Protein backbone atom coordinates (compact mmCIF):
# COMPACT_ATOMS: atom_id res chain seq x y z
CA MET A 1 0.00 0.00 0.00
CA LYS A 2 1.37 3.41 -0.95
CA PHE A 3 2.11 5.75 1.95
CA SER A 4 -0.21 8.34 0.43
CA LYS A 5 -3.04 5.80 0.50
CA ILE A 6 -2.35 5.09 4.20
CA ILE A 7 -2.56 8.80 4.96
CA GLU A 8 -5.83 9.01 3.07
CA LYS A 9 -7.30 6.13 5.10
CA LEU A 10 -6.01 7.52 8.40
CA GLY A 11 -7.46 10.90 7.62
CA LYS A 12 -10.90 9.33 7.62
CA THR A 13 -10.49 7.95 11.15
CA ALA A 14 -8.53 10.66 12.94
CA GLU A 15 -7.88 14.37 12.98
CA LEU A 16 -4.33 14.72 11.68
CA ASN A 17 -2.83 18.17 12.09
CA SER A 18 0.04 19.43 9.95
CA LEU A 19 0.00 16.43 7.64
CA THR A 20 3.12 16.53 5.52
CA VAL A 21 4.69 14.10 3.06
CA ILE A 22 8.12 14.61 1.54
CA GLN A 23 7.56 15.78 -2.00
CA ASN A 24 7.95 13.12 -4.69
CA LEU A 25 8.47 10.44 -2.01
CA ASP A 26 5.65 7.95 -1.70
CA PRO A 27 7.10 4.58 -0.65
CA GLU A 28 5.31 1.27 -0.80
CA ILE A 29 4.45 0.19 2.77
CA ILE A 30 4.08 -3.54 3.35
CA GLY A 31 3.83 -3.60 7.13
CA ILE A 32 4.31 -1.88 10.48
CA ALA A 33 7.13 -2.25 13.02
CA ALA A 34 8.74 -0.83 16.15
CA VAL A 35 11.12 1.97 15.21
CA ASP A 36 14.22 0.07 16.39
CA GLU A 37 13.20 -3.08 14.49
CA ALA A 38 11.83 -1.47 11.34
CA SER A 39 13.03 -2.54 7.90
CA VAL A 40 12.64 -1.08 4.43
CA GLY A 41 8.97 -1.02 3.47
CA THR A 42 7.64 -0.63 7.02
CA LEU A 43 5.89 2.22 8.83
CA SER A 44 6.78 3.15 12.41
CA TYR A 45 6.34 6.05 14.83
CA ILE A 46 8.28 8.21 17.28
CA GLU A 47 6.53 9.79 20.26
CA GLY A 48 8.89 12.57 21.26
CA GLY A 49 12.33 14.08 21.53
CA LYS A 50 13.73 11.36 23.80
CA PHE A 51 13.59 9.02 20.81
CA ALA A 52 15.24 11.51 18.45
CA ALA A 53 18.30 9.32 17.96
CA MET A 54 16.12 6.64 16.40
CA VAL A 55 15.39 8.86 13.40
CA ALA A 56 19.05 8.57 12.40
CA GLN A 57 19.13 4.81 13.03
CA THR A 58 15.81 3.40 11.84
CA HIS A 59 15.41 1.60 8.51
CA ALA A 60 11.70 2.44 8.31
CA SER A 61 10.50 3.84 4.99
CA ALA A 62 7.95 6.09 6.69
CA LEU A 63 7.41 7.55 10.15
CA ILE A 64 4.59 9.05 12.16
CA LEU A 65 6.18 11.95 14.00
CA PRO A 66 5.15 14.46 16.67
CA GLN A 67 4.89 18.13 15.79
CA ASP A 68 8.59 18.62 16.33
CA GLU A 69 10.36 20.47 13.51
CA SER A 70 13.80 19.14 14.44
CA LEU A 71 12.62 15.53 14.17
CA GLN A 72 10.87 16.29 10.91
CA ALA A 73 14.01 17.88 9.52
CA ARG A 74 16.09 14.81 10.45
CA ALA A 75 13.61 12.50 8.73
CA THR A 76 13.66 14.70 5.64
CA GLU A 77 17.46 14.65 5.54
CA ARG A 78 17.42 10.85 5.58
CA GLY A 79 14.78 10.65 2.84
CA ILE A 80 12.18 9.11 5.13
CA ALA A 81 8.56 9.88 4.31
CA TRP A 82 6.62 11.17 7.31
CA ILE A 83 3.43 12.66 8.66
CA ALA A 84 3.17 14.83 11.78
CA THR A 85 0.43 14.67 14.39
CA PRO A 86 -0.09 15.64 18.05
CA GLU A 87 -0.69 11.96 18.90
CA PRO A 88 1.79 9.71 17.04
CA LYS A 89 1.07 6.55 19.06
CA LEU A 90 -2.68 6.88 18.55
CA ILE A 91 -2.29 7.32 14.80
CA PHE A 92 0.13 4.39 14.70
CA ALA A 93 -2.49 2.28 16.50
CA LYS A 94 -4.98 3.22 13.79
CA ALA A 95 -2.40 2.35 11.12
CA VAL A 96 -1.92 -1.13 12.61
CA VAL A 97 -5.59 -1.85 11.86
CA LEU A 98 -4.87 -1.34 8.15
CA PHE A 99 -2.43 -4.28 8.20
CA TYR A 100 -3.82 -6.61 10.85
CA GLN A 101 -7.26 -7.78 11.93
CA PRO A 102 -7.66 -10.29 14.78
CA PHE A 103 -9.03 -13.69 13.82
CA ARG A 104 -12.80 -13.83 13.98
CA PRO A 105 -14.67 -16.87 12.73
CA ASP A 106 -17.65 -16.63 10.43
CA PRO A 107 -21.13 -16.59 11.98
CA GLY A 108 -22.53 -19.99 12.81
CA ILE A 109 -22.87 -22.61 15.52
CA HIS A 110 -20.43 -25.50 15.71
CA PRO A 111 -22.16 -28.89 15.88
CA THR A 112 -20.37 -29.82 19.12
CA ALA A 113 -21.72 -26.79 21.01
CA ILE A 114 -24.21 -27.61 23.79
CA ILE A 115 -26.90 -24.93 23.98
CA ASP A 116 -30.00 -25.00 26.18
CA PRO A 117 -33.21 -24.63 24.12
CA SER A 118 -34.18 -21.52 26.09
CA VAL A 119 -31.10 -19.54 24.99
CA ILE A 120 -31.84 -16.43 22.90
CA ILE A 121 -29.21 -15.88 20.20
CA GLY A 122 -28.99 -12.70 18.12
CA LYS A 123 -28.07 -12.28 14.47
CA ASP A 124 -24.70 -13.29 12.99
CA VAL A 125 -23.42 -14.86 16.20
CA SER A 126 -20.42 -17.21 16.10
CA ILE A 127 -20.34 -20.11 18.59
CA GLY A 128 -17.27 -22.34 18.50
CA ALA A 129 -16.55 -25.98 19.25
CA HIS A 130 -17.52 -27.43 22.64
CA VAL A 131 -19.10 -24.22 23.89
CA ALA A 132 -21.61 -24.85 26.70
CA ILE A 133 -24.46 -22.38 27.28
CA GLY A 134 -26.93 -22.74 30.13
CA GLN A 135 -30.59 -21.96 30.56
CA GLY A 136 -31.99 -18.47 29.96
CA VAL A 137 -28.85 -16.95 28.46
CA LYS A 138 -29.22 -14.01 26.07
CA ILE A 139 -26.54 -13.37 23.45
CA GLY A 140 -26.53 -10.15 21.40
CA ASP A 141 -26.00 -9.68 17.67
CA ARG A 142 -22.57 -10.45 16.22
CA ALA A 143 -21.20 -11.80 19.48
CA CYS A 144 -18.38 -14.32 19.12
CA LEU A 145 -17.74 -17.27 21.45
CA HIS A 146 -14.52 -19.15 20.75
CA PRO A 147 -14.11 -22.87 21.60
CA ASN A 148 -14.64 -24.20 25.13
CA VAL A 149 -16.37 -21.09 26.46
CA VAL A 150 -18.72 -21.95 29.33
CA ILE A 151 -21.70 -19.73 30.13
CA TYR A 152 -23.78 -20.45 33.23
CA PRO A 153 -27.58 -19.87 33.32
CA GLU A 154 -29.24 -16.44 33.16
CA VAL A 155 -26.22 -14.60 31.74
CA GLU A 156 -26.60 -11.64 29.36
CA ILE A 157 -23.98 -10.89 26.70
CA GLY A 158 -24.19 -7.72 24.59
CA ALA A 159 -23.76 -7.16 20.88
CA ASN A 160 -20.29 -7.49 19.32
CA THR A 161 -18.80 -8.91 22.50
CA LEU A 162 -15.92 -11.35 22.05
CA LEU A 163 -15.31 -14.27 24.42
CA HIS A 164 -11.98 -15.99 23.82
CA ALA A 165 -11.37 -19.72 24.27
CA ASN A 166 -11.71 -21.26 27.73
CA CYS A 167 -13.19 -18.27 29.55
CA THR A 168 -16.06 -18.87 31.98
CA ILE A 169 -19.06 -16.63 32.67
CA HIS A 170 -20.93 -17.54 35.87
CA GLU A 171 -24.59 -16.98 36.68
CA ARG A 172 -25.86 -13.49 37.50
CA SER A 173 -23.38 -11.87 35.12
CA LYS A 174 -24.30 -9.11 32.69
CA ILE A 175 -21.75 -8.24 30.02
CA GLY A 176 -22.33 -5.20 27.84
CA ALA A 177 -21.72 -4.55 24.17
CA ASN A 178 -18.26 -4.46 22.54
CA CYS A 179 -16.55 -6.19 25.47
CA VAL A 180 -13.59 -8.56 25.18
CA ILE A 181 -13.01 -11.39 27.66
CA HIS A 182 -9.67 -13.14 27.12
CA SER A 183 -8.77 -16.78 27.59
CA GLY A 184 -8.91 -18.19 31.09
CA ALA A 185 -10.77 -15.23 32.57
CA VAL A 186 -13.61 -15.95 35.00
CA ILE A 187 -16.46 -13.47 35.33
CA GLY A 188 -18.98 -13.68 38.17
CA ALA A 189 -17.52 -16.50 40.22
CA GLU A 190 -18.30 -16.57 43.94
CA GLY A 191 -16.67 -13.89 46.03
CA PHE A 192 -14.57 -14.92 49.03
CA GLY A 193 -17.24 -14.79 51.72
CA PHE A 194 -17.07 -16.81 54.95
CA VAL A 195 -18.34 -16.04 58.45
CA PRO A 196 -16.21 -17.25 61.40
CA THR A 197 -17.98 -19.44 63.95
CA SER A 198 -16.87 -21.52 66.92
CA GLU A 199 -16.92 -24.56 64.67
CA GLY A 200 -15.13 -22.99 61.71
CA TRP A 201 -16.13 -21.01 58.66
CA PHE A 202 -19.79 -20.69 57.59
CA LYS A 203 -20.14 -20.01 53.87
CA LEU A 204 -21.89 -16.76 52.96
CA GLU A 205 -23.57 -17.50 49.66
CA GLN A 206 -22.83 -14.96 46.96
CA SER A 207 -26.23 -14.02 45.58
CA GLY A 208 -25.31 -10.72 43.94
CA TYR A 209 -24.55 -9.72 40.35
CA THR A 210 -21.49 -8.96 38.26
CA VAL A 211 -21.90 -6.21 35.66
CA LEU A 212 -19.46 -5.27 32.92
CA GLU A 213 -20.52 -2.13 31.08
CA ASP A 214 -19.94 -1.55 27.35
CA GLY A 215 -16.38 -1.67 26.03
CA VAL A 216 -14.80 -3.40 29.02
CA GLU A 217 -11.80 -5.66 28.32
CA ILE A 218 -10.66 -8.39 30.73
CA GLY A 219 -7.20 -9.95 30.35
CA CYS A 220 -6.20 -13.63 30.45
CA ASN A 221 -6.67 -15.49 33.74
CA SER A 222 -8.28 -12.51 35.46
CA ALA A 223 -11.21 -12.86 37.86
CA VAL A 224 -14.12 -10.54 38.60
CA ASP A 225 -16.13 -11.92 41.55
CA ARG A 226 -19.80 -11.54 42.36
CA PRO A 227 -20.82 -10.34 45.84
CA ALA A 228 -23.09 -11.74 48.53
CA VAL A 229 -25.60 -8.97 47.79
CA GLY A 230 -25.68 -6.03 45.41
CA GLU A 231 -23.28 -6.00 42.50
CA THR A 232 -19.68 -5.89 41.39
CA ARG A 233 -19.51 -3.35 38.56
CA ILE A 234 -16.82 -2.39 36.05
CA GLY A 235 -17.51 0.88 34.24
CA ARG A 236 -17.59 1.57 30.53
CA ASN A 237 -14.36 1.24 28.56
CA THR A 238 -12.25 0.09 31.53
CA LYS A 239 -9.36 -2.25 30.66
CA LEU A 240 -7.88 -4.97 32.88
CA ASP A 241 -4.58 -6.67 32.07
CA ASN A 242 -3.80 -10.36 32.66
CA MET A 243 -4.10 -11.92 36.13
CA VAL A 244 -6.06 -9.07 37.71
CA HIS A 245 -8.38 -9.86 40.62
CA ILE A 246 -11.47 -7.75 41.32
CA ALA A 247 -13.08 -8.95 44.54
CA HIS A 248 -16.76 -9.02 45.48
CA GLY A 249 -18.65 -5.74 45.62
CA CYS A 250 -16.00 -3.55 43.97
CA GLN A 251 -17.22 -0.55 41.99
CA ILE A 252 -14.85 0.55 39.22
CA GLY A 253 -15.49 3.67 37.17
CA GLN A 254 -15.14 4.41 33.48
CA ASN A 255 -11.95 4.42 31.39
CA CYS A 256 -9.73 2.92 34.09
CA ALA A 257 -6.64 0.82 33.32
CA MET A 258 -5.13 -1.83 35.59
CA ALA A 259 -1.88 -3.62 34.76
CA ALA A 260 -1.04 -7.26 35.47
CA GLN A 261 -1.47 -8.75 38.94
CA VAL A 262 -3.44 -5.86 40.39
CA GLY A 263 -5.59 -7.07 43.29
CA LEU A 264 -8.61 -5.27 44.75
CA ALA A 265 -10.07 -6.50 48.03
CA GLY A 266 -13.81 -6.49 48.65
CA GLY A 267 -15.86 -3.32 48.43
CA VAL A 268 -13.18 -1.09 46.86
CA LYS A 269 -14.53 1.95 45.02
CA VAL A 270 -12.48 3.28 42.11
CA GLY A 271 -13.29 6.53 40.29
CA ASN A 272 -13.03 7.32 36.58
CA TRP A 273 -9.77 7.41 34.58
CA VAL A 274 -7.79 5.73 37.37
CA MET A 275 -4.54 3.93 36.47
CA LEU A 276 -3.04 1.17 38.63
CA GLY A 277 0.42 -0.19 37.80
CA GLY A 278 1.46 -3.83 37.98
CA GLN A 279 1.01 -5.66 41.30
CA VAL A 280 -0.82 -2.81 43.01
CA GLY A 281 -2.83 -4.07 45.98
CA VAL A 282 -5.81 -2.22 47.44
CA ALA A 283 -7.14 -2.98 50.93
CA ASN A 284 -10.76 -3.69 51.78
CA GLN A 285 -13.33 -0.87 51.38
CA ARG A 286 -10.81 1.75 50.24
CA LYS A 287 -11.73 4.58 47.84
CA ILE A 288 -9.60 5.83 44.96
CA GLY A 289 -10.57 9.18 43.44
CA ASP A 290 -10.92 10.14 39.78
CA ARG A 291 -7.70 10.23 37.73
CA ALA A 292 -5.56 8.94 40.58
CA ILE A 293 -2.47 6.88 39.68
CA ALA A 294 -0.70 4.17 41.68
CA THR A 295 2.75 3.12 40.45
CA ALA A 296 3.82 -0.52 40.30
CA GLN A 297 3.75 -2.56 43.54
CA THR A 298 2.01 0.15 45.53
CA GLY A 299 0.08 -1.05 48.58
CA ILE A 300 -2.99 1.14 49.08
CA THR A 301 -4.16 0.95 52.68
CA SER A 302 -5.96 4.30 52.90
CA ASN A 303 -8.16 6.35 50.60
CA VAL A 304 -6.49 8.08 47.63
CA PRO A 305 -7.71 11.62 46.77
CA PRO A 306 -8.66 12.49 43.17
CA GLY A 307 -5.68 13.22 40.95
CA GLU A 308 -3.10 11.95 43.46
CA ILE A 309 -0.11 9.87 42.36
CA VAL A 310 0.90 7.35 45.02
CA SER A 311 3.76 4.87 45.43
CA GLY A 312 5.24 2.52 48.03
CA ASN A 313 3.81 0.21 50.65
CA PRO A 314 1.97 1.58 52.49
CA SER A 315 1.23 4.16 49.82
CA ILE A 316 2.42 7.75 50.13
CA PRO A 317 2.42 10.63 47.62
CA ASN A 318 4.81 9.86 44.78
CA LYS A 319 6.94 12.99 45.29
CA ILE A 320 7.63 12.00 48.89
CA TYR A 321 8.28 8.41 47.83
CA LEU A 322 10.91 9.51 45.30
CA LYS A 323 12.72 11.58 47.93
CA ALA A 324 12.57 8.70 50.41
CA SER A 325 13.89 6.28 47.78
CA ALA A 326 16.86 8.52 47.10
CA ILE A 327 17.65 8.53 50.83
CA TYR A 328 17.07 4.79 51.26
CA LYS A 329 20.09 3.69 49.22
CA ARG A 330 22.28 6.00 51.31
CA LEU A 331 21.15 4.54 54.64
CA PRO A 332 24.28 2.38 55.19
CA GLU A 333 26.52 5.42 54.63
CA MET A 334 24.31 7.59 56.84
CA TYR A 335 24.31 4.93 59.56
CA GLU A 336 28.11 4.81 59.59
CA SER A 337 28.16 8.59 59.88
CA PHE A 338 25.66 8.38 62.73
CA LYS A 339 27.80 5.84 64.59
CA ARG A 340 30.88 8.04 64.23
CA LEU A 341 28.92 11.06 65.43
CA ARG A 342 27.55 9.17 68.44
CA LYS A 343 30.99 7.88 69.31
CA GLY A 344 32.38 11.42 69.09
CA LEU A 345 29.66 12.79 71.33
CA GLY A 346 30.28 10.00 73.80
CA ASP A 347 33.98 10.77 73.87
């Protein structure tokens, strides 16, 4: 595909400011690549000045650049075709779609699927081999269920939702439209509820609901539990990475992102646009405000105000954490100084 044709297609899906192509240079683009791995015939991108050196090193035939005249000048000098935009990574993501589409089987029901007669199935749905669907399930138009998916009774699945192989959707789960549930994920399983007695633990049955709003994506081997009463809810367009655990009764807002191995204890409330780094843990019943950020391996034991960036365990404001970290590695030296000072005072 000619680079000019790519620009034409991208222009239909995104607002590209200051679009520029080197005059008389319109290379054939056969694929996309990371800038440090790009070869002739590929398209790549550079986000900002810290990657400036890559312009001189890359073998890409075309680049998506930020609105940085120095970077554009370097690309021009090397004879690399380019376009400029305020959001290079976003435009690159849109370019990837021109060269790759995830596998999606044609509509139809595999003969090995086991489907209760009461199930309501929309138009153009794809149901793969050995799928099992229980009583009273509703599946929206153009949904896709890959092999070995198991859906318990009374589940609702919205239009265009994609369930990858070997995921499990338990009873009392409601999944919106345009969701993606990856392999091994479990939605709506019983929350961890037990009442201590003199004879041991008495099981508190989990009779609540699990709700995933439209556009939610759940990574491989993640779990979103249903509560004893009420609901566990994940807001619209929120994305969970692999091996994330959302305990019973959590309420997660819209457009949040949680990296791998994040764990939320029961009843946690998370605002909108919150970002949690890998292995963040959040204690029971805590609240995290809108647009807060927790860096990797943070342990959140108290509420986090809106817009706050926290780090460490237990969590503290990130600016304080960075100062403390700088001091931490000097503790042996400081301790030796302290011992000498104490000895001097004693003498």
